[in-house]
Structures are given as C-alpha cells and as structure tokens.
Amino acid sequence: MGMVMTLADGKNHTLFDAKDFQWLIQKYIGFEAERYFETLVQELQEAADYTEQKVNSDLSSYEASLESNTTAFQDIKEICLEMTNELEFGKRLNRSTLNELVRKIQKTINNQI
C-alpha cells in the first residue's frame, strides 16, 4: 500500500518504497541531496546488518554455553548417582572413592567457570 505525500507546491505523490522518496529528493532538491540520502540509507543498512550479525553471534554463543552447562549438569548428576549408590549399597564406606567422585564434580564445575 502506498503513501500519499503532499509537497510544498501542493502536488501529491504516491510513495511505495524508499526509491520513490529518493526520486522526489532528486527531482525537487537536486542530485547532491539525492546522493546524500542514498548514503544515509546505505549507512543505516550497514549498521542494521552489523547489529543483526552481532545479535546472531551473541545468540549462538549463548546457546553453546547453555548446551555446555546442560552437559556439565548431566555429568554431575551421574556422579551424584554414583555417590548415592556407594553410600547406600557399598558394603563399607570407601572414602577414597567418594573423594574421587567429589573431585570429578569439582573438575566439571571448574571447567564451566
């Protein structure tokens, strides 16, 4: 859907996109003004493209971090299950085994920090 714009001389012009507006600038203000407008639009597009790339990069980094944390928590959960089994079903409390399992948890946490 176009936009109707009334100029200072009373003439109406229908604009469908930025190129129509650019044409009006060139026709009524001049070539230099039209080139200036084109440069502004191009700079804004480049800034928008950069922002989009940055957002996508940050999002990818965040997603990778979440996946890594999920894996770490799953590893810790398995280690805790081993500890629980050792405490519940072990014939005798083996401090060395428990100490080794706690160190595995600490290593997993340190790798995430």
N, C-alpha and C. Protein backbone atom coordinates (compact mmCIF):
# COMPACT_ATOMS: atom_id res chain seq x y z
N MET A 1 0.85 -1.18 0.00
CA MET A 1 0.00 0.00 0.00
C MET A 1 0.90 1.24 0.00
N GLY A 2 0.61 2.14 -0.87
CA GLY A 2 1.41 3.35 -1.00
C GLY A 2 1.02 4.42 0.00
N MET A 3 1.90 5.39 0.12
CA MET A 3 1.66 6.53 1.00
C MET A 3 1.59 7.78 0.12
N VAL A 4 0.53 8.56 0.29
CA VAL A 4 0.39 9.79 -0.48
C VAL A 4 1.04 10.92 0.29
N MET A 5 1.94 11.64 -0.40
CA MET A 5 2.65 12.74 0.23
C MET A 5 2.35 14.02 -0.56
N THR A 6 1.95 15.05 0.17
CA THR A 6 1.70 16.34 -0.46
C THR A 6 2.92 17.22 -0.27
N LEU A 7 3.45 17.72 -1.36
CA LEU A 7 4.64 18.56 -1.31
C LEU A 7 4.26 20.02 -1.09
N ALA A 8 5.26 20.85 -0.87
CA ALA A 8 5.04 22.28 -0.60
C ALA A 8 4.34 22.98 -1.75
N ASP A 9 4.51 22.49 -2.97
CA ASP A 9 3.85 23.11 -4.12
C ASP A 9 2.40 22.63 -4.30
N GLY A 10 1.93 21.77 -3.37
CA GLY A 10 0.56 21.29 -3.42
C GLY A 10 0.38 20.02 -4.23
N LYS A 11 1.41 19.55 -4.90
CA LYS A 11 1.31 18.33 -5.70
C LYS A 11 1.34 17.10 -4.79
N ASN A 12 0.53 16.12 -5.15
CA ASN A 12 0.51 14.85 -4.42
C ASN A 12 1.35 13.82 -5.17
N HIS A 13 2.09 13.05 -4.41
CA HIS A 13 2.90 11.96 -4.97
C HIS A 13 2.67 10.72 -4.12
N THR A 14 2.51 9.59 -4.78
CA THR A 14 2.34 8.32 -4.07
C THR A 14 3.70 7.63 -3.97
N LEU A 15 4.06 7.28 -2.75
CA LEU A 15 5.34 6.62 -2.49
C LEU A 15 5.07 5.16 -2.11
N PHE A 16 5.74 4.26 -2.78
CA PHE A 16 5.60 2.84 -2.47
C PHE A 16 6.82 2.29 -1.74
N ASP A 17 7.96 2.94 -1.93
CA ASP A 17 9.17 2.49 -1.24
C ASP A 17 10.16 3.66 -1.16
N ALA A 18 11.32 3.38 -0.61
CA ALA A 18 12.34 4.42 -0.41
C ALA A 18 12.84 4.98 -1.74
N LYS A 19 12.83 4.17 -2.77
CA LYS A 19 13.29 4.65 -4.09
C LYS A 19 12.39 5.76 -4.62
N ASP A 20 11.08 5.66 -4.35
CA ASP A 20 10.16 6.73 -4.77
C ASP A 20 10.50 8.03 -4.05
N PHE A 21 10.79 7.93 -2.77
CA PHE A 21 11.16 9.11 -1.99
C PHE A 21 12.49 9.68 -2.50
N GLN A 22 13.41 8.78 -2.80
CA GLN A 22 14.71 9.20 -3.32
C GLN A 22 14.52 9.96 -4.65
N TRP A 23 13.62 9.49 -5.48
CA TRP A 23 13.34 10.16 -6.75
C TRP A 23 12.81 11.58 -6.51
N LEU A 24 11.90 11.72 -5.51
CA LEU A 24 11.38 13.06 -5.18
C LEU A 24 12.50 13.99 -4.72
N ILE A 25 13.39 13.47 -3.91
CA ILE A 25 14.51 14.28 -3.44
C ILE A 25 15.34 14.75 -4.63
N GLN A 26 15.63 13.84 -5.54
CA GLN A 26 16.44 14.19 -6.71
C GLN A 26 15.72 15.21 -7.58
N LYS A 27 14.41 15.04 -7.77
CA LYS A 27 13.65 15.92 -8.64
C LYS A 27 13.48 17.32 -8.05
N TYR A 28 13.18 17.39 -6.73
CA TYR A 28 12.83 18.68 -6.13
C TYR A 28 13.96 19.35 -5.36
N ILE A 29 14.95 18.59 -4.94
CA ILE A 29 16.04 19.20 -4.18
C ILE A 29 17.34 19.17 -4.98
N GLY A 30 17.55 18.09 -5.69
CA GLY A 30 18.74 18.03 -6.52
C GLY A 30 19.52 16.74 -6.36
N PHE A 31 20.46 16.58 -7.27
CA PHE A 31 21.26 15.37 -7.33
C PHE A 31 22.10 15.16 -6.07
N GLU A 32 22.73 16.22 -5.56
CA GLU A 32 23.57 16.08 -4.36
C GLU A 32 22.76 15.66 -3.15
N ALA A 33 21.57 16.20 -3.00
CA ALA A 33 20.70 15.81 -1.89
C ALA A 33 20.27 14.35 -2.04
N GLU A 34 20.03 13.93 -3.26
CA GLU A 34 19.63 12.54 -3.50
C GLU A 34 20.78 11.60 -3.16
N ARG A 35 21.99 11.95 -3.53
CA ARG A 35 23.17 11.13 -3.19
C ARG A 35 23.38 11.11 -1.67
N TYR A 36 23.17 12.23 -1.02
CA TYR A 36 23.30 12.29 0.44
C TYR A 36 22.28 11.35 1.09
N PHE A 37 21.05 11.38 0.61
CA PHE A 37 20.00 10.49 1.13
C PHE A 37 20.40 9.03 0.90
N GLU A 38 20.91 8.73 -0.28
CA GLU A 38 21.32 7.37 -0.60
C GLU A 38 22.43 6.89 0.34
N THR A 39 23.38 7.80 0.63
CA THR A 39 24.47 7.46 1.55
C THR A 39 23.93 7.20 2.96
N LEU A 40 22.99 8.02 3.41
CA LEU A 40 22.40 7.82 4.73
C LEU A 40 21.70 6.47 4.82
N VAL A 41 20.92 6.14 3.80
CA VAL A 41 20.21 4.86 3.79
C VAL A 41 21.20 3.70 3.80
N GLN A 42 22.26 3.82 3.01
CA GLN A 42 23.27 2.76 2.95
C GLN A 42 23.96 2.59 4.31
N GLU A 43 24.30 3.70 4.97
CA GLU A 43 24.94 3.62 6.29
C GLU A 43 24.01 2.98 7.32
N LEU A 44 22.74 3.33 7.27
CA LEU A 44 21.78 2.73 8.19
C LEU A 44 21.63 1.24 7.92
N GLN A 45 21.63 0.85 6.66
CA GLN A 45 21.53 -0.57 6.31
C GLN A 45 22.74 -1.34 6.81
N GLU A 46 23.93 -0.76 6.64
CA GLU A 46 25.16 -1.40 7.12
C GLU A 46 25.14 -1.54 8.64
N ALA A 47 24.68 -0.51 9.33
CA ALA A 47 24.59 -0.57 10.79
C ALA A 47 23.60 -1.64 11.22
N ALA A 48 22.48 -1.72 10.52
CA ALA A 48 21.47 -2.74 10.84
C ALA A 48 22.02 -4.14 10.58
N ASP A 49 22.75 -4.31 9.48
CA ASP A 49 23.34 -5.61 9.16
C ASP A 49 24.35 -6.01 10.23
N TYR A 50 25.19 -5.06 10.65
CA TYR A 50 26.18 -5.34 11.69
C TYR A 50 25.49 -5.75 12.99
N THR A 51 24.45 -5.01 13.35
CA THR A 51 23.72 -5.32 14.58
C THR A 51 23.10 -6.71 14.50
N GLU A 52 22.54 -7.04 13.35
CA GLU A 52 21.94 -8.37 13.18
C GLU A 52 22.99 -9.47 13.32
N GLN A 53 24.16 -9.26 12.71
CA GLN A 53 25.24 -10.24 12.82
C GLN A 53 25.70 -10.39 14.26
N LYS A 54 25.82 -9.27 14.96
CA LYS A 54 26.25 -9.30 16.37
C LYS A 54 25.24 -10.05 17.23
N VAL A 55 23.97 -9.76 17.02
CA VAL A 55 22.92 -10.44 17.79
C VAL A 55 22.96 -11.94 17.52
N ASN A 56 23.10 -12.32 16.24
CA ASN A 56 23.15 -13.74 15.90
C ASN A 56 24.37 -14.41 16.49
N SER A 57 25.51 -13.72 16.48
CA SER A 57 26.73 -14.25 17.06
C SER A 57 26.58 -14.43 18.58
N ASP A 58 26.04 -13.42 19.23
CA ASP A 58 25.82 -13.50 20.68
C ASP A 58 24.84 -14.61 21.02
N LEU A 59 23.81 -14.77 20.22
CA LEU A 59 22.82 -15.82 20.45
C LEU A 59 23.45 -17.20 20.29
N SER A 60 24.27 -17.37 19.27
CA SER A 60 24.95 -18.65 19.06
C SER A 60 25.87 -18.97 20.23
N SER A 61 26.58 -17.97 20.69
CA SER A 61 27.48 -18.16 21.83
C SER A 61 26.69 -18.54 23.08
N TYR A 62 25.57 -17.88 23.30
CA TYR A 62 24.72 -18.17 24.46
C TYR A 62 24.16 -19.58 24.37
N GLU A 63 23.71 -19.99 23.18
CA GLU A 63 23.17 -21.34 23.00
C GLU A 63 24.24 -22.39 23.27
N ALA A 64 25.46 -22.15 22.79
CA ALA A 64 26.56 -23.09 23.02
C ALA A 64 26.87 -23.19 24.51
N SER A 65 26.82 -22.06 25.20
CA SER A 65 27.05 -22.05 26.64
C SER A 65 25.98 -22.85 27.38
N LEU A 66 24.73 -22.69 26.96
CA LEU A 66 23.64 -23.45 27.58
C LEU A 66 23.82 -24.95 27.36
N GLU A 67 24.20 -25.33 26.15
CA GLU A 67 24.42 -26.75 25.86
C GLU A 67 25.55 -27.31 26.71
N SER A 68 26.61 -26.54 26.84
CA SER A 68 27.75 -26.97 27.64
C SER A 68 27.35 -27.12 29.11
N ASN A 69 26.59 -26.16 29.62
CA ASN A 69 26.14 -26.24 31.01
C ASN A 69 25.21 -27.43 31.23
N THR A 70 24.34 -27.70 30.27
CA THR A 70 23.44 -28.85 30.38
C THR A 70 24.23 -30.14 30.47
N THR A 71 25.23 -30.28 29.62
CA THR A 71 26.08 -31.47 29.64
C THR A 71 26.80 -31.59 30.98
N ALA A 72 27.31 -30.48 31.49
CA ALA A 72 28.01 -30.50 32.78
C ALA A 72 27.07 -30.93 33.90
N PHE A 73 25.85 -30.41 33.91
CA PHE A 73 24.90 -30.80 34.95
C PHE A 73 24.52 -32.28 34.83
N GLN A 74 24.43 -32.78 33.61
CA GLN A 74 24.14 -34.20 33.43
C GLN A 74 25.29 -35.05 33.97
N ASP A 75 26.52 -34.60 33.72
CA ASP A 75 27.69 -35.31 34.25
C ASP A 75 27.68 -35.30 35.78
N ILE A 76 27.39 -34.16 36.36
CA ILE A 76 27.34 -34.05 37.83
C ILE A 76 26.24 -34.94 38.39
N LYS A 77 25.11 -34.98 37.71
CA LYS A 77 24.00 -35.84 38.14
C LYS A 77 24.44 -37.31 38.17
N GLU A 78 25.16 -37.75 37.14
CA GLU A 78 25.64 -39.13 37.10
C GLU A 78 26.63 -39.41 38.23
N ILE A 79 27.51 -38.46 38.49
CA ILE A 79 28.47 -38.63 39.58
C ILE A 79 27.75 -38.71 40.92
N CYS A 80 26.75 -37.86 41.11
CA CYS A 80 25.98 -37.90 42.36
C CYS A 80 25.26 -39.24 42.51
N LEU A 81 24.79 -39.79 41.41
CA LEU A 81 24.15 -41.10 41.46
C LEU A 81 25.16 -42.17 41.88
N GLU A 82 26.38 -42.08 41.35
CA GLU A 82 27.44 -43.00 41.78
C GLU A 82 27.69 -42.86 43.28
N MET A 83 27.72 -41.63 43.77
CA MET A 83 27.95 -41.39 45.20
C MET A 83 26.82 -41.98 46.03
N THR A 84 25.60 -41.77 45.58
CA THR A 84 24.44 -42.30 46.30
C THR A 84 24.51 -43.82 46.35
N ASN A 85 24.84 -44.44 45.23
CA ASN A 85 24.96 -45.90 45.20
C ASN A 85 26.06 -46.38 46.13
N GLU A 86 27.16 -45.67 46.17
CA GLU A 86 28.26 -46.03 47.06
C GLU A 86 27.82 -45.95 48.52
N LEU A 87 27.06 -44.89 48.84
CA LEU A 87 26.61 -44.72 50.23
C LEU A 87 25.53 -45.74 50.61
N GLU A 88 24.63 -46.02 49.69
CA GLU A 88 23.51 -46.91 50.01
C GLU A 88 23.87 -48.38 49.91
N PHE A 89 24.62 -48.74 48.88
CA PHE A 89 24.81 -50.17 48.61
C PHE A 89 26.23 -50.66 48.85
N GLY A 90 27.13 -49.75 49.14
CA GLY A 90 28.50 -50.17 49.40
C GLY A 90 28.57 -50.94 50.71
N LYS A 91 29.37 -52.01 50.71
CA LYS A 91 29.48 -52.81 51.93
C LYS A 91 30.17 -52.03 53.02
N ARG A 92 31.04 -51.17 52.59
CA ARG A 92 31.75 -50.36 53.56
C ARG A 92 32.02 -49.01 52.91
N LEU A 93 31.99 -47.96 53.71
CA LEU A 93 32.18 -46.60 53.19
C LEU A 93 33.61 -46.43 52.71
N ASN A 94 33.75 -46.19 51.44
CA ASN A 94 35.07 -46.04 50.85
C ASN A 94 35.32 -44.55 50.61
N ARG A 95 36.06 -43.96 51.54
CA ARG A 95 36.32 -42.52 51.45
C ARG A 95 37.12 -42.16 50.20
N SER A 96 37.98 -43.01 49.80
CA SER A 96 38.79 -42.75 48.61
C SER A 96 37.91 -42.63 47.36
N THR A 97 36.95 -43.52 47.24
CA THR A 97 36.03 -43.48 46.09
C THR A 97 35.19 -42.22 46.13
N LEU A 98 34.66 -41.89 47.31
CA LEU A 98 33.84 -40.68 47.45
C LEU A 98 34.66 -39.43 47.16
N ASN A 99 35.90 -39.42 47.66
CA ASN A 99 36.78 -38.28 47.42
C ASN A 99 37.04 -38.11 45.92
N GLU A 100 37.25 -39.22 45.23
CA GLU A 100 37.48 -39.18 43.78
C GLU A 100 36.24 -38.63 43.05
N LEU A 101 35.06 -39.04 43.48
CA LEU A 101 33.83 -38.57 42.86
C LEU A 101 33.61 -37.07 43.11
N VAL A 102 33.91 -36.63 44.33
CA VAL A 102 33.79 -35.19 44.63
C VAL A 102 34.76 -34.40 43.76
N ARG A 103 35.96 -34.91 43.58
CA ARG A 103 36.94 -34.22 42.72
C ARG A 103 36.46 -34.15 41.26
N LYS A 104 35.76 -35.19 40.81
CA LYS A 104 35.19 -35.15 39.45
C LYS A 104 34.16 -34.03 39.33
N ILE A 105 33.35 -33.89 40.37
CA ILE A 105 32.35 -32.80 40.37
C ILE A 105 33.05 -31.45 40.35
N GLN A 106 34.07 -31.29 41.19
CA GLN A 106 34.81 -30.03 41.23
C GLN A 106 35.46 -29.72 39.87
N LYS A 107 36.01 -30.75 39.23
CA LYS A 107 36.64 -30.55 37.92
C LYS A 107 35.60 -30.12 36.89
N THR A 108 34.44 -30.76 36.92
CA THR A 108 33.37 -30.40 35.98
C THR A 108 32.93 -28.96 36.18
N ILE A 109 32.77 -28.57 37.43
CA ILE A 109 32.37 -27.19 37.74
C ILE A 109 33.45 -26.21 37.30
N ASN A 110 34.70 -26.50 37.62
CA ASN A 110 35.80 -25.61 37.23
C ASN A 110 35.91 -25.44 35.72
N ASN A 111 35.61 -26.50 34.98
CA ASN A 111 35.65 -26.40 33.52
C ASN A 111 34.55 -25.49 32.97
N GLN A 112 33.48 -25.32 33.72
CA GLN A 112 32.36 -24.49 33.27
C GLN A 112 32.54 -23.02 33.64
N ILE A 113 33.38 -22.78 34.62
CA ILE A 113 33.54 -21.40 35.10
C ILE A 113 34.56 -20.66 34.26
